[in-house]
Amino acid sequence: MKVDVLLGLQWGDEGKGKIVDVLTPQYDIIARFQGGPNAGHTLNFEGEKVVLHTIPSGIFRKNSINIIGNGVIIDPYIMIHEEIKTIQHLTDVKSKLYISEKAHLILPTHRWLDYVNESTLGQNKIGSTLKGIGPTYTDKVRRCGIRVGDLFLPGFKDKYTALRNRHLQQISDMGFDIDSIKLGNKSFSEYEQLWLAAAEELKQYQVCSTEYLINKALAEGKKVLAEGAQGSLLDVEFGSYPFVTSSCTITAGVCAGLGVAPNKIGKVYGLFKAYCTRVGEGPFPTELFDSTGEELRQKGGEFGSTTGRPRRCGWLDLPHLRYACMLDGVTELIMMKADVLNGFDELKVCTSYSYNNRITDEIPFDPQARLVPQYQTLKGWKAFSGNEIPSQMKDYIAFVEQYVGLKVKIVSVGPDRNENIVL
């Protein structure tokens, strides 16, 4: 068997959590391969609305195994208190969740260091979620990070203290007093005590070498779905650098983030919204600053599920979508939030850019490049019900398919797990 992959093709927030939840009946194992609590995967089912940050979105399906891979970074406090304890009445997390012993830990000082780093950038800030993501991945690359498996070793306390003190010195050298900074209404000392208790509690869960677990399952014919976080255009290698996340968000990240070989990759489901959104800083060629952009935001409920920040909204950008499909090797497209476009008389779709006095459909190197979108205008559609989609929506989908060179297999027309149309 092979590992199928589901990931976002834009700047995140495409609706991956919902579709993973929809697809999980077909899979035995759901595995997260990168990112951390900067992710916010929203699921709506049976009158419940749940936001997951680190735990895979298959956790609510019966008989599914959920894996947090080595490429994921974990904040024990957030995972225990803001995820597990909010969903434990809905599912048996301990029996369904396996955690890689090689996954790195986000220390309390990582979060405060993230805040300090962002504060010093001023107008050049990245738009960090302040969850400690960048500093944790930095320590991982510098080979001084702390992993989940370290919690079980006798030298954990000394290792934690050494790295903590190193971070505190960095913060002090940058001119900040850590005791004067509160994050989430908590002082550093308050958060650290809660974090240490949560780290101890984390040891009660199923921690193992998940790469063995996944490869053994594949050899036994089990079906595995790898769940991505953030979006392809936020990839640290190919995204709008430096306005990106700190991990590999594209299909290539599955191999390193789960410990599977490239020849084990199967289908690649690529999700995109019928329009575009972005949270934080960075280029966004089709961003709308008018009433249309605000209408998209309000109708789509475009506020960050992790940060609560209003999302920037704009028309669908096809050159960026095709670029992501190329990088990811997408085999099937899934269009999300088509219902948000209900009621618009006209819809614009970007097909190229005016850049340096020429027309191009490629993404330039310079993240500050002035790209003027060139639009095609299509007819909009009225609100509809049932599974018979309007002819204008069919035309919109066909236009996307022709440009990208892939078929749209599923259209999401509402937030609930049952509000989908299979084409």
Protein backbone atom coordinates (compact mmCIF):
# COMPACT_ATOMS: atom_id res chain seq x y z
CA MET A 1 0.00 0.00 0.00
CA LYS A 2 0.95 3.63 -0.39
CA VAL A 3 0.49 6.78 1.69
CA ASP A 4 -2.14 9.12 0.26
CA VAL A 5 -1.64 12.81 1.02
CA LEU A 6 -4.07 15.64 1.69
CA LEU A 7 -2.76 19.19 1.80
CA GLY A 8 -3.68 22.82 1.14
CA LEU A 9 -2.69 24.54 -2.09
CA GLN A 10 -2.93 28.15 -0.91
CA TRP A 11 -1.81 30.07 2.20
CA GLY A 12 -3.52 27.71 4.63
CA ASP A 13 -7.07 27.69 6.04
CA GLU A 14 -8.37 25.75 3.03
CA GLY A 15 -10.55 23.44 5.13
CA LYS A 16 -8.24 20.44 5.47
CA GLY A 17 -9.70 19.34 8.80
CA LYS A 18 -13.18 18.92 7.35
CA ILE A 19 -12.05 16.89 4.34
CA VAL A 20 -9.75 14.67 6.38
CA ASP A 21 -12.75 13.95 8.59
CA VAL A 22 -14.81 13.17 5.46
CA LEU A 23 -12.16 10.86 3.98
CA THR A 24 -11.19 8.99 7.15
CA PRO A 25 -13.75 6.17 6.76
CA GLN A 26 -11.59 5.04 3.82
CA TYR A 27 -8.37 4.95 5.89
CA ASP A 28 -6.97 2.98 8.80
CA ILE A 29 -4.38 5.59 9.84
CA ILE A 30 -4.37 9.40 9.73
CA ALA A 31 -0.95 10.99 10.26
CA ARG A 32 0.23 14.57 10.70
CA PHE A 33 3.69 15.12 9.18
CA GLN A 34 4.65 18.75 9.88
CA GLY A 35 3.71 21.96 11.65
CA GLY A 36 2.47 22.37 15.19
CA PRO A 37 -0.14 24.30 17.18
CA ASN A 38 0.01 27.10 14.58
CA ALA A 39 -2.42 24.88 12.65
CA GLY A 40 -6.15 25.19 13.18
CA HIS A 41 -8.23 22.42 11.63
CA THR A 42 -11.95 23.03 12.17
CA LEU A 43 -14.47 20.18 12.15
CA ASN A 44 -18.26 20.46 12.29
CA PHE A 45 -20.32 17.33 12.97
CA GLU A 46 -23.41 16.29 14.90
CA GLY A 47 -23.88 19.80 16.23
CA GLU A 48 -20.30 20.03 17.49
CA LYS A 49 -17.62 22.46 16.34
CA VAL A 50 -14.08 21.42 17.18
CA VAL A 51 -10.72 23.04 16.40
CA LEU A 52 -7.65 20.79 16.39
CA HIS A 53 -4.10 22.15 16.37
CA THR A 54 -1.77 19.17 16.66
CA ILE A 55 -3.97 16.08 16.78
CA PRO A 56 -4.90 14.55 13.38
CA SER A 57 -8.44 15.17 12.18
CA GLY A 58 -9.33 11.48 12.11
CA ILE A 59 -9.48 11.30 15.89
CA PHE A 60 -13.32 11.27 15.92
CA ARG A 61 -13.75 8.33 13.54
CA LYS A 62 -14.25 4.85 14.94
CA ASN A 63 -11.41 2.37 14.54
CA SER A 64 -8.99 4.96 13.17
CA ILE A 65 -5.39 5.24 14.36
CA ASN A 66 -4.01 8.78 14.51
CA ILE A 67 -0.30 9.51 14.41
CA ILE A 68 1.67 12.65 15.23
CA GLY A 69 4.83 12.18 13.17
CA ASN A 70 8.41 13.15 13.85
CA GLY A 71 8.12 16.24 11.63
CA VAL A 72 5.48 17.78 13.93
CA ILE A 73 6.41 19.99 16.88
CA ILE A 74 4.38 19.71 20.09
CA ASP A 75 3.51 22.11 22.89
CA PRO A 76 2.39 19.76 25.71
CA TYR A 77 0.29 22.43 27.41
CA ILE A 78 -1.65 23.29 24.26
CA MET A 79 -2.11 19.65 23.29
CA ILE A 80 -3.30 18.51 26.71
CA HIS A 81 -5.37 21.50 27.81
CA GLU A 82 -6.54 23.14 24.58
CA GLU A 83 -7.09 19.98 22.56
CA ILE A 84 -7.35 16.68 24.44
CA LYS A 85 -9.35 17.98 27.40
CA THR A 86 -11.80 19.74 25.07
CA ILE A 87 -12.51 16.60 23.00
CA GLN A 88 -12.17 13.73 25.46
CA HIS A 89 -15.97 13.63 25.89
CA LEU A 90 -16.27 12.92 22.16
CA THR A 91 -13.61 10.25 21.65
CA ASP A 92 -11.08 8.03 23.44
CA VAL A 93 -7.89 9.91 22.60
CA LYS A 94 -5.48 7.65 24.50
CA SER A 95 -6.45 4.53 22.60
CA LYS A 96 -6.40 6.20 19.16
CA LEU A 97 -3.37 8.50 19.32
CA TYR A 98 0.29 7.59 18.77
CA ILE A 99 3.05 10.20 19.18
CA SER A 100 6.49 10.02 17.62
CA GLU A 101 9.29 9.93 20.17
CA LYS A 102 11.29 11.96 17.64
CA ALA A 103 8.82 14.88 17.49
CA HIS A 104 10.37 18.05 18.94
CA LEU A 105 8.93 19.92 21.92
CA ILE A 106 8.01 23.60 21.97
CA LEU A 107 9.40 24.90 25.25
CA PRO A 108 7.83 27.85 27.10
CA THR A 109 10.91 29.92 26.26
CA HIS A 110 10.36 29.18 22.56
CA ARG A 111 7.04 31.02 22.74
CA TRP A 112 8.51 34.03 24.55
CA LEU A 113 11.46 34.05 22.14
CA ASP A 114 8.99 34.05 19.24
CA TYR A 115 7.28 37.12 20.70
CA VAL A 116 10.60 38.93 21.19
CA ASN A 117 11.82 38.09 17.68
CA GLU A 118 8.59 39.35 16.12
CA SER A 119 8.61 42.51 18.26
CA THR A 120 12.08 43.49 17.06
CA LEU A 121 11.08 43.27 13.38
CA GLY A 122 8.68 46.22 13.52
CA GLN A 123 7.15 46.84 10.09
CA ASN A 124 9.05 43.85 8.70
CA LYS A 125 7.28 41.37 10.98
CA ILE A 126 6.42 37.95 9.54
CA GLY A 127 2.95 37.68 11.08
CA SER A 128 3.88 34.84 13.45
CA THR A 129 1.17 33.07 15.44
CA LEU A 130 3.51 33.43 18.47
CA LYS A 131 3.25 29.70 19.22
CA GLY A 132 7.02 29.23 19.25
CA ILE A 133 7.12 27.50 15.87
CA GLY A 134 10.11 29.29 14.31
CA PRO A 135 12.39 29.12 17.40
CA THR A 136 11.60 25.41 17.88
CA TYR A 137 12.44 24.50 14.30
CA THR A 138 15.56 26.69 14.62
CA ASP A 139 16.76 24.64 17.60
CA LYS A 140 15.91 21.46 15.69
CA VAL A 141 18.19 22.49 12.81
CA ARG A 142 20.86 23.68 15.26
CA ARG A 143 20.73 20.19 16.79
CA CYS A 144 20.02 21.37 20.32
CA GLY A 145 16.26 20.73 20.43
CA ILE A 146 14.42 18.54 22.92
CA ARG A 147 12.26 15.67 21.67
CA VAL A 148 9.31 13.81 23.15
CA GLY A 149 11.53 10.79 23.80
CA ASP A 150 13.77 12.93 26.00
CA LEU A 151 10.93 13.16 28.54
CA PHE A 152 11.58 9.52 29.45
CA LEU A 153 15.35 9.86 29.86
CA PRO A 154 17.08 10.61 33.20
CA GLY A 155 18.86 13.64 31.74
CA PHE A 156 15.69 15.47 30.67
CA LYS A 157 15.67 17.99 33.52
CA ASP A 158 19.28 19.05 32.92
CA LYS A 159 18.75 19.26 29.16
CA TYR A 160 15.60 21.33 29.62
CA THR A 161 17.27 23.71 32.08
CA ALA A 162 20.31 24.25 29.85
CA LEU A 163 18.20 25.13 26.78
CA ARG A 164 15.79 27.23 28.85
CA ASN A 165 18.65 29.28 30.30
CA ARG A 166 20.16 29.73 26.86
CA HIS A 167 16.86 31.18 25.61
CA LEU A 168 16.50 33.44 28.64
CA GLN A 169 19.95 34.85 27.96
CA GLN A 170 19.00 35.51 24.33
CA ILE A 171 15.86 37.34 25.41
CA SER A 172 17.82 39.41 27.93
CA ASP A 173 20.51 40.24 25.34
CA MET A 174 17.78 41.59 23.05
CA GLY A 175 16.74 44.04 25.77
CA PHE A 176 13.57 42.35 27.03
CA ASP A 177 12.52 41.42 30.56
CA ILE A 178 10.71 38.08 30.29
CA ASP A 179 8.85 38.66 33.56
CA SER A 180 7.16 41.73 32.09
CA ILE A 181 5.76 39.85 29.06
CA LYS A 182 2.45 38.02 29.28
CA LEU A 183 1.25 35.66 26.56
CA GLY A 184 -2.34 34.49 26.67
CA ASN A 185 -2.77 36.34 29.98
CA LYS A 186 -0.08 34.17 31.56
CA SER A 187 3.32 35.17 32.87
CA PHE A 188 6.31 33.07 31.92
CA SER A 189 6.60 31.42 35.32
CA GLU A 190 2.87 30.55 35.34
CA TYR A 191 3.05 29.04 31.89
CA GLU A 192 6.24 27.12 32.62
CA GLN A 193 4.69 25.37 35.62
CA LEU A 194 1.63 24.40 33.60
CA TRP A 195 3.86 23.25 30.73
CA LEU A 196 6.01 21.03 32.95
CA ALA A 197 2.91 19.37 34.41
CA ALA A 198 1.48 18.82 30.92
CA ALA A 199 4.80 17.37 29.72
CA GLU A 200 4.61 14.85 32.54
CA GLU A 201 1.04 14.00 31.57
CA LEU A 202 2.08 13.55 27.94
CA LYS A 203 4.18 10.56 29.01
CA GLN A 204 0.95 8.66 29.71
CA TYR A 205 0.12 8.56 25.99
CA GLN A 206 1.35 6.08 23.37
CA VAL A 207 4.84 7.33 22.47
CA CYS A 208 6.83 5.20 20.03
CA SER A 209 8.93 5.12 16.85
CA THR A 210 6.00 5.92 14.57
CA GLU A 211 8.05 5.34 11.42
CA TYR A 212 8.06 1.62 12.27
CA LEU A 213 4.33 1.73 13.00
CA ILE A 214 3.49 3.34 9.65
CA ASN A 215 5.77 1.16 7.50
CA LYS A 216 4.55 -2.02 9.22
CA ALA A 217 0.96 -0.94 8.58
CA LEU A 218 1.71 -0.32 4.88
CA ALA A 219 3.33 -3.75 4.60
CA GLU A 220 0.16 -5.26 6.09
CA GLY A 221 -2.02 -3.56 3.48
CA LYS A 222 -3.40 -0.85 5.76
CA LYS A 223 -4.43 2.48 4.22
CA VAL A 224 -2.68 5.65 5.44
CA LEU A 225 -3.61 9.29 4.87
CA ALA A 226 -1.02 11.99 5.58
CA GLU A 227 -2.62 15.25 6.75
CA GLY A 228 -0.81 18.49 6.00
CA ALA A 229 -1.01 21.75 7.94
CA GLN A 230 -0.70 25.37 6.82
CA GLY A 231 -0.57 25.53 2.97
CA SER A 232 1.79 24.90 0.06
CA LEU A 233 2.39 28.61 -0.50
CA LEU A 234 3.73 28.83 3.07
CA ASP A 235 6.38 26.16 2.45
CA VAL A 236 9.80 27.17 3.80
CA GLU A 237 11.46 26.27 0.47
CA PHE A 238 8.94 27.30 -2.18
CA GLY A 239 6.55 29.66 -0.42
CA SER A 240 6.62 33.46 -0.33
CA TYR A 241 9.84 33.52 1.73
CA PRO A 242 10.44 34.99 4.29
CA PHE A 243 6.68 35.23 4.89
CA VAL A 244 6.37 31.48 5.33
CA THR A 245 6.12 28.87 8.05
CA SER A 246 9.21 26.99 9.26
CA SER A 247 8.46 23.52 7.90
CA CYS A 248 8.04 21.70 4.59
CA THR A 249 4.31 21.90 3.85
CA ILE A 250 4.36 20.20 0.42
CA THR A 251 4.17 16.51 -0.47
CA ALA A 252 7.94 16.14 -0.17
CA GLY A 253 7.58 16.84 3.56
CA VAL A 254 5.62 13.61 4.06
CA CYS A 255 8.71 11.46 3.54
CA ALA A 256 10.86 13.30 6.09
CA GLY A 257 8.00 14.02 8.47
CA LEU A 258 6.73 10.45 8.75
CA GLY A 259 9.69 8.30 7.76
CA VAL A 260 8.31 6.81 4.54
CA ALA A 261 10.14 6.40 1.24
CA PRO A 262 9.25 8.54 -1.83
CA ASN A 263 8.02 5.47 -3.70
CA LYS A 264 5.40 4.99 -0.99
CA ILE A 265 3.47 8.16 -1.95
CA GLY A 266 0.11 7.47 -3.62
CA LYS A 267 -2.77 9.86 -4.34
CA VAL A 268 -2.33 13.55 -3.56
CA TYR A 269 -5.54 15.41 -2.72
CA GLY A 270 -5.07 19.16 -3.16
CA LEU A 271 -7.53 21.52 -1.45
CA PHE A 272 -8.20 25.08 -2.50
CA LYS A 273 -10.83 27.64 -1.61
CA ALA A 274 -13.00 28.96 -4.44
CA TYR A 275 -11.38 32.30 -3.57
CA CYS A 276 -8.18 33.14 -1.66
CA THR A 277 -7.36 34.08 1.92
CA ARG A 278 -4.20 34.75 3.87
CA VAL A 279 -3.41 35.39 7.55
CA GLY A 280 -0.41 37.48 8.52
CA GLU A 281 2.04 39.37 6.36
CA GLY A 282 3.34 38.57 2.90
CA PRO A 283 2.39 39.02 -0.77
CA PHE A 284 -1.21 38.46 -1.87
CA PRO A 285 -1.68 39.67 -5.47
CA THR A 286 -5.48 39.31 -5.62
CA GLU A 287 -6.24 40.77 -2.18
CA LEU A 288 -9.36 42.93 -2.07
CA PHE A 289 -9.48 46.04 0.11
CA ASP A 290 -13.08 46.97 -0.74
CA SER A 291 -16.58 45.93 0.24
CA THR A 292 -16.27 42.74 -1.83
CA GLY A 293 -13.31 41.63 0.26
CA GLU A 294 -15.25 42.35 3.43
CA GLU A 295 -18.26 40.45 2.10
CA LEU A 296 -16.07 37.39 1.45
CA ARG A 297 -14.66 37.68 4.98
CA GLN A 298 -18.06 37.87 6.65
CA LYS A 299 -19.81 35.24 4.51
CA GLY A 300 -16.87 32.87 4.80
CA GLY A 301 -16.29 33.44 8.51
CA GLU A 302 -12.71 34.26 7.64
CA PHE A 303 -11.14 34.66 11.04
CA GLY A 304 -8.16 32.56 12.08
CA SER A 305 -9.14 29.42 14.00
CA THR A 306 -5.83 29.56 15.89
CA THR A 307 -5.26 33.31 16.25
CA GLY A 308 -8.73 34.78 15.70
CA ARG A 309 -7.19 37.34 13.35
CA PRO A 310 -9.28 38.54 10.38
CA ARG A 311 -8.09 36.84 7.21
CA ARG A 312 -7.17 38.87 4.18
CA CYS A 313 -9.52 37.95 1.31
CA GLY A 314 -9.33 38.10 -2.47
CA TRP A 315 -10.22 36.46 -5.77
CA LEU A 316 -8.93 33.04 -6.83
CA ASP A 317 -5.30 33.13 -8.04
CA LEU A 318 -4.79 30.44 -10.69
CA PRO A 319 -1.03 30.90 -11.37
CA HIS A 320 -0.33 30.29 -7.68
CA LEU A 321 -2.75 27.34 -7.65
CA ARG A 322 -1.09 25.72 -10.67
CA TYR A 323 2.35 26.30 -9.11
CA ALA A 324 1.28 24.48 -5.93
CA CYS A 325 -0.20 21.59 -7.96
CA MET A 326 3.13 21.26 -9.77
CA LEU A 327 5.16 21.16 -6.54
CA ASP A 328 2.81 18.72 -4.83
CA GLY A 329 2.13 16.32 -7.68
CA VAL A 330 -1.61 16.72 -7.07
CA THR A 331 -3.79 13.97 -8.54
CA GLU A 332 -7.22 15.18 -7.38
CA LEU A 333 -8.54 18.66 -6.65
CA ILE A 334 -11.08 19.51 -3.96
CA MET A 335 -12.75 22.94 -4.07
CA MET A 336 -13.76 24.34 -0.70
CA LYS A 337 -16.25 27.03 0.35
CA ALA A 338 -17.97 27.27 -3.02
CA ASP A 339 -21.11 28.33 -1.12
CA VAL A 340 -19.40 31.56 0.00
CA LEU A 341 -19.53 32.75 -3.62
CA ASN A 342 -23.33 32.31 -3.74
CA GLY A 343 -25.06 35.54 -4.71
CA PHE A 344 -22.24 37.32 -6.53
CA ASP A 345 -23.30 38.59 -9.98
CA GLU A 346 -19.74 38.36 -11.29
CA LEU A 347 -16.63 36.51 -10.18
CA LYS A 348 -13.10 37.40 -11.10
CA VAL A 349 -10.29 34.88 -11.51
CA CYS A 350 -6.61 35.83 -11.86
CA THR A 351 -4.96 34.08 -14.83
CA SER A 352 -1.66 36.01 -15.06
CA TYR A 353 0.19 39.07 -13.76
CA SER A 354 1.60 42.26 -15.16
CA TYR A 355 5.16 42.36 -13.84
CA ASN A 356 8.03 44.63 -14.96
CA ASN A 357 6.11 45.70 -18.06
CA ARG A 358 5.39 42.14 -19.20
CA ILE A 359 2.67 39.55 -18.72
CA THR A 360 3.65 36.38 -16.87
CA ASP A 361 1.98 33.45 -15.17
CA GLU A 362 5.08 32.51 -13.13
CA ILE A 363 5.82 33.52 -9.55
CA PRO A 364 8.88 35.81 -9.35
CA PHE A 365 11.66 35.42 -6.79
CA ASP A 366 11.19 38.83 -5.14
CA PRO A 367 8.51 38.59 -2.39
CA GLN A 368 8.05 42.36 -2.63
CA ALA A 369 7.44 42.25 -6.39
CA ARG A 370 4.56 44.39 -7.61
CA LEU A 371 2.27 41.89 -9.32
CA VAL A 372 -0.82 43.36 -10.98
CA PRO A 373 -3.36 40.55 -11.44
CA GLN A 374 -4.91 40.09 -14.87
CA TYR A 375 -8.48 38.88 -14.45
CA GLN A 376 -11.04 36.88 -16.38
CA THR A 377 -14.62 37.66 -15.38
CA LEU A 378 -17.11 34.81 -15.04
CA LYS A 379 -20.81 34.81 -14.25
CA GLY A 380 -21.80 34.23 -10.64
CA TRP A 381 -24.61 32.06 -9.33
CA LYS A 382 -27.48 32.36 -6.90
CA ALA A 383 -27.84 30.35 -3.70
CA PHE A 384 -28.89 26.74 -4.27
CA SER A 385 -29.80 23.63 -2.32
CA GLY A 386 -29.37 19.95 -2.94
CA ASN A 387 -26.70 18.29 -5.07
CA GLU A 388 -27.60 19.88 -8.40
CA ILE A 389 -25.10 22.70 -8.74
CA PRO A 390 -25.89 25.72 -10.95
CA SER A 391 -24.57 25.84 -14.51
CA GLN A 392 -22.54 28.95 -13.68
CA MET A 393 -20.72 27.06 -10.91
CA LYS A 394 -20.05 24.24 -13.37
CA ASP A 395 -18.51 26.81 -15.73
CA TYR A 396 -16.38 28.20 -12.89
CA ILE A 397 -15.12 24.71 -12.02
CA ALA A 398 -14.45 23.87 -15.68
CA PHE A 399 -12.44 27.09 -16.06
CA VAL A 400 -10.24 26.13 -13.10
CA GLU A 401 -9.83 22.56 -14.37
CA GLN A 402 -8.76 23.68 -17.83
CA TYR A 403 -6.20 26.15 -16.47
CA VAL A 404 -4.69 23.80 -13.89
CA GLY A 405 -4.98 20.62 -15.93
CA LEU A 406 -6.65 18.57 -13.17
CA LYS A 407 -10.19 17.54 -12.35
CA VAL A 408 -12.13 18.78 -9.33
CA LYS A 409 -13.52 15.67 -7.62
CA ILE A 410 -15.30 17.15 -4.60
CA VAL A 411 -16.97 20.54 -4.02
CA SER A 412 -17.63 21.62 -0.45
CA VAL A 413 -20.82 23.67 -0.08
CA GLY A 414 -21.01 24.08 3.69
CA PRO A 415 -19.07 23.51 6.94
CA ASP A 416 -20.65 20.22 8.01
CA ARG A 417 -18.96 16.94 7.14
CA ASN A 418 -22.03 16.01 5.01
CA GLU A 419 -22.17 19.22 2.94
CA ASN A 420 -20.19 18.05 -0.09
CA ILE A 421 -20.93 17.32 -3.73
CA VAL A 422 -18.94 14.56 -5.42
CA LEU A 423 -18.49 15.27 -9.13
